[in-house]
Amino acid sequence: MRTGIETCFWVYLFYRPSADAYVCCLSVLPPEEVRSGQAEDELVYRSGFGEMDEALGHKLFLEHLSSASLKHYIQRSNGAQGLGSRCAAE
């Protein structure tokens, strides 16, 4: 359901080298304002959605992938254009 206010829901993936793991987050904060919980974390993927249910579904999808599958997905999604984005509000 859309409201009069355009909100972009962001799904972020951070890579945490010390744990050799990915951390998935959902936020309404734009990419320039988002920070993870630890200074060492590196933002490796982002995608914007106009609807919260789409963003939550994408987050759940990412959380159920293995680390190897996530790495492959990130490489394919980011491609030569850098970090991906699909939010019209950006």
PDB file of N, CA and C in Angstrom:
ATOM      1  N   MET A   1       0.839  -1.171   0.000  1.00  0.00           N
ATOM      2  CA  MET A   1       0.000   0.000   0.000  1.00  0.00           C
ATOM      3  C   MET A   1       0.891   1.244   0.000  1.00  0.00           C
ATOM      4  N   ARG A   2       0.656   2.132  -0.907  1.00  0.00           N
ATOM      5  CA  ARG A   2       1.438   3.363  -0.997  1.00  0.00           C
ATOM      6  C   ARG A   2       0.759   4.480  -0.216  1.00  0.00           C
ATOM      7  N   THR A   3       1.587   5.283   0.424  1.00  0.00           N
ATOM      8  CA  THR A   3       1.080   6.461   1.121  1.00  0.00           C
ATOM      9  C   THR A   3       1.462   7.677   0.295  1.00  0.00           C
ATOM     10  N   GLY A   4       1.095   8.839   0.723  1.00  0.00           N
ATOM     11  CA  GLY A   4       1.458  10.062   0.015  1.00  0.00           C
ATOM     12  C   GLY A   4       2.940  10.379   0.127  1.00  0.00           C
ATOM     13  N   ILE A   5       3.602   9.789   1.077  1.00  0.00           N
ATOM     14  CA  ILE A   5       5.025  10.034   1.287  1.00  0.00           C
ATOM     15  C   ILE A   5       5.802   8.892   0.648  1.00  0.00           C
ATOM     16  N   GLU A   6       6.725   9.232  -0.237  1.00  0.00           N
ATOM     17  CA  GLU A   6       7.552   8.205  -0.881  1.00  0.00           C
ATOM     18  C   GLU A   6       8.702   7.832   0.039  1.00  0.00           C
ATOM     19  N   THR A   7       8.704   6.607   0.482  1.00  0.00           N
ATOM     20  CA  THR A   7       9.760   6.087   1.331  1.00  0.00           C
ATOM     21  C   THR A   7      10.491   5.006   0.571  1.00  0.00           C
ATOM     22  N   CYS A   8      11.779   4.983   0.719  1.00  0.00           N
ATOM     23  CA  CYS A   8      12.568   3.930   0.113  1.00  0.00           C
ATOM     24  C   CYS A   8      13.068   3.021   1.235  1.00  0.00           C
ATOM     25  N   PHE A   9      12.847   1.743   1.079  1.00  0.00           N
ATOM     26  CA  PHE A   9      13.308   0.753   2.038  1.00  0.00           C
ATOM     27  C   PHE A   9      14.556   0.096   1.450  1.00  0.00           C
ATOM     28  N   TRP A  10      15.642   0.156   2.193  1.00  0.00           N
ATOM     29  CA  TRP A  10      16.929  -0.327   1.706  1.00  0.00           C
ATOM     30  C   TRP A  10      17.304  -1.647   2.367  1.00  0.00           C
ATOM     31  N   VAL A  11      17.822  -2.550   1.553  1.00  0.00           N
ATOM     32  CA  VAL A  11      18.410  -3.789   2.059  1.00  0.00           C
ATOM     33  C   VAL A  11      19.910  -3.663   1.822  1.00  0.00           C
ATOM     34  N   TYR A  12      20.675  -3.826   2.889  1.00  0.00           N
ATOM     35  CA  TYR A  12      22.129  -3.698   2.834  1.00  0.00           C
ATOM     36  C   TYR A  12      22.786  -5.009   3.225  1.00  0.00           C
ATOM     37  N   LEU A  13      23.922  -5.289   2.612  1.00  0.00           N
ATOM     38  CA  LEU A  13      24.776  -6.395   3.042  1.00  0.00           C
ATOM     39  C   LEU A  13      26.134  -5.814   3.375  1.00  0.00           C
ATOM     40  N   PHE A  14      26.590  -6.137   4.571  1.00  0.00           N
ATOM     41  CA  PHE A  14      27.927  -5.756   5.004  1.00  0.00           C
ATOM     42  C   PHE A  14      28.768  -7.016   5.112  1.00  0.00           C
ATOM     43  N   TYR A  15      30.044  -6.889   4.776  1.00  0.00           N
ATOM     44  CA  TYR A  15      30.964  -8.004   4.972  1.00  0.00           C
ATOM     45  C   TYR A  15      31.786  -7.722   6.220  1.00  0.00           C
ATOM     46  N   ARG A  16      31.837  -8.692   7.130  1.00  0.00           N
ATOM     47  CA  ARG A  16      32.581  -8.574   8.384  1.00  0.00           C
ATOM     48  C   ARG A  16      33.789  -9.513   8.316  1.00  0.00           C
ATOM     49  N   PRO A  17      34.985  -8.964   8.012  1.00  0.00           N
ATOM     50  CA  PRO A  17      36.176  -9.790   7.815  1.00  0.00           C
ATOM     51  C   PRO A  17      36.566 -10.646   9.024  1.00  0.00           C
ATOM     52  N   SER A  18      36.423 -10.133  10.221  1.00  0.00           N
ATOM     53  CA  SER A  18      36.857 -10.882  11.407  1.00  0.00           C
ATOM     54  C   SER A  18      36.069 -12.179  11.583  1.00  0.00           C
ATOM     55  N   ALA A  19      34.828 -12.193  11.116  1.00  0.00           N
ATOM     56  CA  ALA A  19      33.993 -13.387  11.232  1.00  0.00           C
ATOM     57  C   ALA A  19      33.858 -14.098   9.889  1.00  0.00           C
ATOM     58  N   ASP A  20      34.417 -13.509   8.835  1.00  0.00           N
ATOM     59  CA  ASP A  20      34.265 -14.004   7.476  1.00  0.00           C
ATOM     60  C   ASP A  20      32.787 -14.292   7.204  1.00  0.00           C
ATOM     61  N   ALA A  21      31.960 -13.270   7.490  1.00  0.00           N
ATOM     62  CA  ALA A  21      30.510 -13.444   7.378  1.00  0.00           C
ATOM     63  C   ALA A  21      29.866 -12.175   6.826  1.00  0.00           C
ATOM     64  N   TYR A  22      28.652 -12.356   6.315  1.00  0.00           N
ATOM     65  CA  TYR A  22      27.857 -11.238   5.812  1.00  0.00           C
ATOM     66  C   TYR A  22      26.760 -10.916   6.820  1.00  0.00           C
ATOM     67  N   VAL A  23      26.469  -9.624   6.971  1.00  0.00           N
ATOM     68  CA  VAL A  23      25.412  -9.150   7.860  1.00  0.00           C
ATOM     69  C   VAL A  23      24.389  -8.437   6.981  1.00  0.00           C
ATOM     70  N   CYS A  24      23.137  -8.857   7.065  1.00  0.00           N
ATOM     71  CA  CYS A  24      22.064  -8.290   6.249  1.00  0.00           C
ATOM     72  C   CYS A  24      21.204  -7.366   7.113  1.00  0.00           C
ATOM     73  N   CYS A  25      20.897  -6.177   6.575  1.00  0.00           N
ATOM     74  CA  CYS A  25      20.109  -5.191   7.322  1.00  0.00           C
ATOM     75  C   CYS A  25      19.032  -4.600   6.425  1.00  0.00           C
ATOM     76  N   LEU A  26      17.955  -4.147   7.050  1.00  0.00           N
ATOM     77  CA  LEU A  26      16.902  -3.410   6.371  1.00  0.00           C
ATOM     78  C   LEU A  26      16.799  -2.056   7.045  1.00  0.00           C
ATOM     79  N   SER A  27      16.699  -0.991   6.249  1.00  0.00           N
ATOM     80  CA  SER A  27      16.692   0.348   6.826  1.00  0.00           C
ATOM     81  C   SER A  27      15.943   1.309   5.911  1.00  0.00           C
ATOM     82  N   VAL A  28      15.489   2.425   6.476  1.00  0.00           N
ATOM     83  CA  VAL A  28      14.946   3.507   5.667  1.00  0.00           C
ATOM     84  C   VAL A  28      16.003   4.592   5.478  1.00  0.00           C
ATOM     85  N   LEU A  29      17.168   4.401   6.084  1.00  0.00           N
ATOM     86  CA  LEU A  29      18.256   5.364   5.926  1.00  0.00           C
ATOM     87  C   LEU A  29      18.864   5.234   4.535  1.00  0.00           C
ATOM     88  N   PRO A  30      19.142   6.368   3.885  1.00  0.00           N
ATOM     89  CA  PRO A  30      19.761   6.311   2.565  1.00  0.00           C
ATOM     90  C   PRO A  30      21.217   5.825   2.677  1.00  0.00           C
ATOM     91  N   PRO A  31      21.777   5.368   1.554  1.00  0.00           N
ATOM     92  CA  PRO A  31      23.132   4.798   1.586  1.00  0.00           C
ATOM     93  C   PRO A  31      24.187   5.700   2.223  1.00  0.00           C
ATOM     94  N   GLU A  32      24.086   6.995   2.010  1.00  0.00           N
ATOM     95  CA  GLU A  32      25.114   7.886   2.570  1.00  0.00           C
ATOM     96  C   GLU A  32      25.025   8.015   4.093  1.00  0.00           C
ATOM     97  N   GLU A  33      23.939   7.567   4.694  1.00  0.00           N
ATOM     98  CA  GLU A  33      23.781   7.666   6.147  1.00  0.00           C
ATOM     99  C   GLU A  33      23.875   6.345   6.883  1.00  0.00           C
ATOM    100  N   VAL A  34      23.872   5.236   6.151  1.00  0.00           N
ATOM    101  CA  VAL A  34      23.839   3.932   6.816  1.00  0.00           C
ATOM    102  C   VAL A  34      25.223   3.554   7.340  1.00  0.00           C
ATOM    103  N   ARG A  35      25.223   2.955   8.518  1.00  0.00           N
ATOM    104  CA  ARG A  35      26.440   2.452   9.151  1.00  0.00           C
ATOM    105  C   ARG A  35      26.101   1.102   9.765  1.00  0.00           C
ATOM    106  N   SER A  36      27.074   0.223   9.788  1.00  0.00           N
ATOM    107  CA  SER A  36      26.830  -1.058  10.438  1.00  0.00           C
ATOM    108  C   SER A  36      27.260  -0.951  11.895  1.00  0.00           C
ATOM    109  N   GLY A  37      27.116  -2.046  12.607  1.00  0.00           N
ATOM    110  CA  GLY A  37      27.425  -2.046  14.030  1.00  0.00           C
ATOM    111  C   GLY A  37      28.903  -2.019  14.368  1.00  0.00           C
ATOM    112  N   GLN A  38      29.763  -2.407  13.422  1.00  0.00           N
ATOM    113  CA  GLN A  38      31.190  -2.462  13.704  1.00  0.00           C
ATOM    114  C   GLN A  38      31.959  -1.685  12.646  1.00  0.00           C
ATOM    115  N   ALA A  39      33.024  -1.021  13.085  1.00  0.00           N
ATOM    116  CA  ALA A  39      33.810  -0.175  12.190  1.00  0.00           C
ATOM    117  C   ALA A  39      34.448  -0.969  11.053  1.00  0.00           C
ATOM    118  N   GLU A  40      34.759  -2.229  11.293  1.00  0.00           N
ATOM    119  CA  GLU A  40      35.437  -3.033  10.274  1.00  0.00           C
ATOM    120  C   GLU A  40      34.517  -3.463   9.132  1.00  0.00           C
ATOM    121  N   ASP A  41      33.207  -3.406   9.326  1.00  0.00           N
ATOM    122  CA  ASP A  41      32.260  -3.872   8.320  1.00  0.00           C
ATOM    123  C   ASP A  41      32.337  -3.026   7.051  1.00  0.00           C
ATOM    124  N   GLU A  42      32.261  -3.713   5.919  1.00  0.00           N
ATOM    125  CA  GLU A  42      32.322  -3.052   4.626  1.00  0.00           C
ATOM    126  C   GLU A  42      30.994  -3.251   3.899  1.00  0.00           C
ATOM    127  N   LEU A  43      30.399  -2.152   3.433  1.00  0.00           N
ATOM    128  CA  LEU A  43      29.170  -2.229   2.661  1.00  0.00           C
ATOM    129  C   LEU A  43      29.500  -2.825   1.299  1.00  0.00           C
ATOM    130  N   VAL A  44      28.891  -3.980   0.980  1.00  0.00           N
ATOM    131  CA  VAL A  44      29.206  -4.664  -0.274  1.00  0.00           C
ATOM    132  C   VAL A  44      27.998  -4.760  -1.213  1.00  0.00           C
ATOM    133  N   TYR A  45      26.804  -4.457  -0.719  1.00  0.00           N
ATOM    134  CA  TYR A  45      25.612  -4.578  -1.553  1.00  0.00           C
ATOM    135  C   TYR A  45      24.499  -3.736  -0.955  1.00  0.00           C
ATOM    136  N   ARG A  46      23.704  -3.131  -1.843  1.00  0.00           N
ATOM    137  CA  ARG A  46      22.504  -2.423  -1.405  1.00  0.00           C
ATOM    138  C   ARG A  46      21.474  -2.511  -2.509  1.00  0.00           C
ATOM    139  N   SER A  47      20.225  -2.482  -2.102  1.00  0.00           N
ATOM    140  CA  SER A  47      19.133  -2.461  -3.066  1.00  0.00           C
ATOM    141  C   SER A  47      17.955  -1.737  -2.430  1.00  0.00           C
ATOM    142  N   GLY A  48      17.333  -0.858  -3.184  1.00  0.00           N
ATOM    143  CA  GLY A  48      16.220  -0.074  -2.676  1.00  0.00           C
ATOM    144  C   GLY A  48      14.886  -0.568  -3.209  1.00  0.00           C
ATOM    145  N   PHE A  49      13.851  -0.458  -2.375  1.00  0.00           N
ATOM    146  CA  PHE A  49      12.504  -0.909  -2.723  1.00  0.00           C
ATOM    147  C   PHE A  49      11.494   0.139  -2.304  1.00  0.00           C
ATOM    148  N   GLY A  50      10.444   0.275  -3.069  1.00  0.00           N
ATOM    149  CA  GLY A  50       9.379   1.216  -2.743  1.00  0.00           C
ATOM    150  C   GLY A  50       8.372   0.666  -1.753  1.00  0.00           C
ATOM    151  N   GLU A  51       8.373  -0.633  -1.573  1.00  0.00           N
ATOM    152  CA  GLU A  51       7.415  -1.286  -0.667  1.00  0.00           C
ATOM    153  C   GLU A  51       8.160  -2.099   0.392  1.00  0.00           C
ATOM    154  N   MET A  52       7.710  -1.994   1.649  1.00  0.00           N
ATOM    155  CA  MET A  52       8.390  -2.703   2.726  1.00  0.00           C
ATOM    156  C   MET A  52       8.331  -4.216   2.544  1.00  0.00           C
ATOM    157  N   ASP A  53       7.194  -4.753   2.080  1.00  0.00           N
ATOM    158  CA  ASP A  53       7.100  -6.204   1.939  1.00  0.00           C
ATOM    159  C   ASP A  53       8.082  -6.736   0.892  1.00  0.00           C
ATOM    160  N   GLU A  54       8.341  -5.968  -0.150  1.00  0.00           N
ATOM    161  CA  GLU A  54       9.343  -6.362  -1.137  1.00  0.00           C
ATOM    162  C   GLU A  54      10.737  -6.373  -0.515  1.00  0.00           C
ATOM    163  N   ALA A  55      11.037  -5.350   0.275  1.00  0.00           N
ATOM    164  CA  ALA A  55      12.343  -5.268   0.929  1.00  0.00           C
ATOM    165  C   ALA A  55      12.523  -6.410   1.933  1.00  0.00           C
ATOM    166  N   LEU A  56      11.491  -6.699   2.721  1.00  0.00           N
ATOM    167  CA  LEU A  56      11.578  -7.800   3.686  1.00  0.00           C
ATOM    168  C   LEU A  56      11.753  -9.142   2.991  1.00  0.00           C
ATOM    169  N   GLY A  57      11.041  -9.330   1.883  1.00  0.00           N
ATOM    170  CA  GLY A  57      11.182 -10.572   1.125  1.00  0.00           C
ATOM    171  C   GLY A  57      12.590 -10.733   0.580  1.00  0.00           C
ATOM    172  N   HIS A  58      13.165  -9.640   0.094  1.00  0.00           N
ATOM    173  CA  HIS A  58      14.527  -9.693  -0.436  1.00  0.00           C
ATOM    174  C   HIS A  58      15.535  -9.973   0.684  1.00  0.00           C
ATOM    175  N   LYS A  59      15.316  -9.347   1.837  1.00  0.00           N
ATOM    176  CA  LYS A  59      16.196  -9.576   2.988  1.00  0.00           C
ATOM    177  C   LYS A  59      16.155 -11.051   3.401  1.00  0.00           C
ATOM    178  N   LEU A  60      14.964 -11.618   3.475  1.00  0.00           N
ATOM    179  CA  LEU A  60      14.833 -13.036   3.829  1.00  0.00           C
ATOM    180  C   LEU A  60      15.516 -13.932   2.802  1.00  0.00           C
ATOM    181  N   PHE A  61      15.353 -13.600   1.529  1.00  0.00           N
ATOM    182  CA  PHE A  61      16.020 -14.346   0.466  1.00  0.00           C
ATOM    183  C   PHE A  61      17.537 -14.348   0.693  1.00  0.00           C
ATOM    184  N   LEU A  62      18.111 -13.158   0.926  1.00  0.00           N
ATOM    185  CA  LEU A  62      19.558 -13.053   1.121  1.00  0.00           C
ATOM    186  C   LEU A  62      20.019 -13.809   2.363  1.00  0.00           C
ATOM    187  N   GLU A  63      19.235 -13.742   3.434  1.00  0.00           N
ATOM    188  CA  GLU A  63      19.611 -14.406   4.684  1.00  0.00           C
ATOM    189  C   GLU A  63      19.636 -15.931   4.553  1.00  0.00           C
ATOM    190  N   HIS A  64      18.953 -16.469   3.573  1.00  0.00           N
ATOM    191  CA  HIS A  64      18.901 -17.920   3.403  1.00  0.00           C
ATOM    192  C   HIS A  64      19.923 -18.452   2.402  1.00  0.00           C
ATOM    193  N   LEU A  65      20.739 -17.569   1.841  1.00  0.00           N
ATOM    194  CA  LEU A  65      21.793 -18.001   0.930  1.00  0.00           C
ATOM    195  C   LEU A  65      23.057 -18.357   1.707  1.00  0.00           C
ATOM    196  N   SER A  66      23.820 -19.303   1.205  1.00  0.00           N
ATOM    197  CA  SER A  66      25.112 -19.636   1.807  1.00  0.00           C
ATOM    198  C   SER A  66      26.084 -18.487   1.534  1.00  0.00           C
ATOM    199  N   SER A  67      27.199 -18.454   2.240  1.00  0.00           N
ATOM    200  CA  SER A  67      28.211 -17.410   2.018  1.00  0.00           C
ATOM    201  C   SER A  67      28.716 -17.425   0.581  1.00  0.00           C
ATOM    202  N   ALA A  68      28.941 -18.623   0.031  1.00  0.00           N
ATOM    203  CA  ALA A  68      29.423 -18.733  -1.345  1.00  0.00           C
ATOM    204  C   ALA A  68      28.376 -18.197  -2.324  1.00  0.00           C
ATOM    205  N   SER A  69      27.111 -18.520  -2.089  1.00  0.00           N
ATOM    206  CA  SER A  69      26.040 -18.026  -2.955  1.00  0.00           C
ATOM    207  C   SER A  69      25.882 -16.520  -2.822  1.00  0.00           C
ATOM    208  N   LEU A  70      26.013 -16.004  -1.610  1.00  0.00           N
ATOM    209  CA  LEU A  70      25.941 -14.556  -1.399  1.00  0.00           C
ATOM    210  C   LEU A  70      27.048 -13.841  -2.157  1.00  0.00           C
ATOM    211  N   LYS A  71      28.257 -14.368  -2.063  1.00  0.00           N
ATOM    212  CA  LYS A  71      29.391 -13.751  -2.753  1.00  0.00           C
ATOM    213  C   LYS A  71      29.129 -13.700  -4.255  1.00  0.00           C
ATOM    214  N   HIS A  72      28.648 -14.788  -4.813  1.00  0.00           N
ATOM    215  CA  HIS A  72      28.335 -14.838  -6.238  1.00  0.00           C
ATOM    216  C   HIS A  72      27.211 -13.851  -6.583  1.00  0.00           C
ATOM    217  N   TYR A  73      26.175 -13.810  -5.766  1.00  0.00           N
ATOM    218  CA  TYR A  73      25.045 -12.905  -5.991  1.00  0.00           C
ATOM    219  C   TYR A  73      25.512 -11.440  -5.956  1.00  0.00           C
ATOM    220  N   ILE A  74      26.352 -11.120  -4.994  1.00  0.00           N
ATOM    221  CA  ILE A  74      26.876  -9.751  -4.861  1.00  0.00           C
ATOM    222  C   ILE A  74      27.677  -9.371  -6.106  1.00  0.00           C
ATOM    223  N   GLN A  75      28.549 -10.267  -6.543  1.00  0.00           N
ATOM    224  CA  GLN A  75      29.365  -9.986  -7.727  1.00  0.00           C
ATOM    225  C   GLN A  75      28.498  -9.778  -8.959  1.00  0.00           C
ATOM    226  N   ARG A  76      27.485 -10.612  -9.137  1.00  0.00           N
ATOM    227  CA  ARG A  76      26.596 -10.474 -10.302  1.00  0.00           C
ATOM    228  C   ARG A  76      25.740  -9.215 -10.197  1.00  0.00           C
ATOM    229  N   SER A  77      25.248  -8.914  -9.016  1.00  0.00           N
ATOM    230  CA  SER A  77      24.364  -7.756  -8.839  1.00  0.00           C
ATOM    231  C   SER A  77      25.110  -6.440  -8.982  1.00  0.00           C
ATOM    232  N   ASN A  78      26.284  -6.359  -8.405  1.00  0.00           N
ATOM    233  CA  ASN A  78      27.049  -5.121  -8.450  1.00  0.00           C
ATOM    234  C   ASN A  78      27.670  -4.910  -9.826  1.00  0.00           C
ATOM    235  N   GLY A  79      28.128  -5.973 -10.451  1.00  0.00           N
ATOM    236  CA  GLY A  79      28.700  -5.882 -11.788  1.00  0.00           C
ATOM    237  C   GLY A  79      29.709  -4.767 -11.914  1.00  0.00           C
ATOM    238  N   ALA A  80      29.759  -4.175 -13.056  1.00  0.00           N
ATOM    239  CA  ALA A  80      30.723  -3.108 -13.325  1.00  0.00           C
ATOM    240  C   ALA A  80      30.214  -1.754 -12.828  1.00  0.00           C
ATOM    241  N   GLN A  81      28.941  -1.693 -12.392  1.00  0.00           N
ATOM    242  CA  GLN A  81      28.361  -0.411 -12.011  1.00  0.00           C
ATOM    243  C   GLN A  81      28.540  -0.084 -10.537  1.00  0.00           C
ATOM    244  N   GLY A  82      29.210  -0.902  -9.791  1.00  0.00           N
ATOM    245  CA  GLY A  82      29.356  -0.647  -8.368  1.00  0.00           C
ATOM    246  C   GLY A  82      28.150  -1.156  -7.611  1.00  0.00           C
ATOM    247  N   LEU A  83      27.878  -0.594  -6.452  1.00  0.00           N
ATOM    248  CA  LEU A  83      26.757  -1.047  -5.627  1.00  0.00           C
ATOM    249  C   LEU A  83      25.440  -0.779  -6.336  1.00  0.00           C
ATOM    250  N   GLY A  84      24.572  -1.773  -6.304  1.00  0.00           N
ATOM    251  CA  GLY A  84      23.296  -1.692  -7.020  1.00  0.00           C
ATOM    252  C   GLY A  84      22.256  -0.863  -6.290  1.00  0.00           C
ATOM    253  N   SER A  85      21.259  -0.427  -7.059  1.00  0.00           N
ATOM    254  CA  SER A  85      20.151   0.323  -6.481  1.00  0.00           C
ATOM    255  C   SER A  85      18.946   0.207  -7.405  1.00  0.00           C
ATOM    256  N   ARG A  86      17.769  -0.016  -6.839  1.00  0.00           N
ATOM    257  CA  ARG A  86      16.554  -0.076  -7.644  1.00  0.00           C
ATOM    258  C   ARG A  86      15.481   0.867  -7.110  1.00  0.00           C
ATOM    259  N   CYS A  87      15.813   1.755  -6.224  1.00  0.00           N
ATOM    260  CA  CYS A  87      14.787   2.611  -5.625  1.00  0.00           C
ATOM    261  C   CYS A  87      14.612   3.873  -6.457  1.00  0.00           C
ATOM    262  N   ALA A  88      13.384   4.145  -6.843  1.00  0.00           N
ATOM    263  CA  ALA A  88      13.101   5.318  -7.667  1.00  0.00           C
ATOM    264  C   ALA A  88      13.334   6.608  -6.887  1.00  0.00           C
ATOM    265  N   ALA A  89      13.325   6.531  -5.557  1.00  0.00           N
ATOM    266  CA  ALA A  89      13.485   7.728  -4.743  1.00  0.00           C
ATOM    267  C   ALA A  89      14.928   8.209  -4.688  1.00  0.00           C
ATOM    268  N   GLU A  90      15.853   7.394  -5.153  1.00  0.00           N
ATOM    269  CA  GLU A  90      17.263   7.770  -5.041  1.00  0.00           C
ATOM    270  C   GLU A  90      17.624   8.841  -6.028  1.00  0.00           C
TER     271      GLU A  90
END
